[in-house]
Amino acid sequence: MTNVFPNPIEQFGDKGGEDAGDVLPDTTLWRYMDLSKFVNMVSTSTLFFCRSDRLGDQFEGTIPLFTREKNEQEKRETLKKLRGEENSPFGFKTFGDRLDELEISKGRGRREKLRRRVFVNSWHANNYESAAMWKLYKSDVGIAIVSSVEKLSKAILLEPNASIDKIRYVDFEDEVELSKQDFNFPFLIKRISFAHEKEIRVIYKPQLNYSDLTDPKDFDLQERIEGFSFRVKLEELVSEIRVDPDSETWSYDTVRAILEKWNLNIPINRSNLGNDPIY
């Protein structure tokens, strides 16, 4: 089930550099896709935000082991101080420790559920085309739409509970400590093996009450939502469209016909990776 949201009033990006982090407005962005997804994007004038647990990486939305253990140990110490257990009888202390571990376990469960509460729209940051990205994200005819951070932030017109930032690639096996002030950080890190993606993503988190995370009925409903589609003005978002270097001539003509059908005046070019070599 996909929900299509109308454009909210406020523009994402009006809040300035704090929300954009260290992502520069003029950064060139690429979104690689196959022809069927391109047709869906053009015919609906939307960008699709996929539920984070369906992105294909089982580590999506998780944190490195060292970080988790450090955070949980700090939480144990905080809980003990709140109960004043330093001077408690041994039996009560043991019972309190069990309560602490139960709370720790619940925290892990809430983090796992949040993976199904966060939605992502991903882009590749690069000044040039990527041969690797063509191979990864096309099944038949490949399409790349070219944009920028500035165009993306102005075109999407998201709600306040959305943010744009770049992925940090870290070694999950090493000692990594991450900021507790940024609640998005589990969705802004990936294993270093994915560094070739150079990903910049928009993260959308629907406004939820704390009780929503534990309400079985609400959670069952949320589980069936594969993602959200946000309306955009494609002519403002897309600066160019590229057709993959291995495509036949009819592919270029088909893409051009699709744009004409939906009255979109967007430049279209074949990938320059398919140019003939010079001997």
Foldseek 3Di string as FASTA:
>chain_A
DAAEDAFDDAFFCPVDDVQAPPFDQFFKWKDKAEPVVVLVCLVQQWAWWFQQCPPPDVLAQHAFPLQLVVVLVVQLVVQCVVVVVPPPDPVVVVVSVVVSVVVSVVVVLLSVLVSLQKTKGKIATDPADDPVVNVVHYDAKMKMFMFGNNLVRGWQNDDPQKGKYWADEDDSNDNDHDDPVDPCNSNRYDHNVCVVRRMIMMMHGPDDDPVCSVDVVSSVVSNVHRTYIYRGDVLSGTQEMEIELPDDPVVQVVVVVSCVVSVHDHHYYYHPVNDDDDD
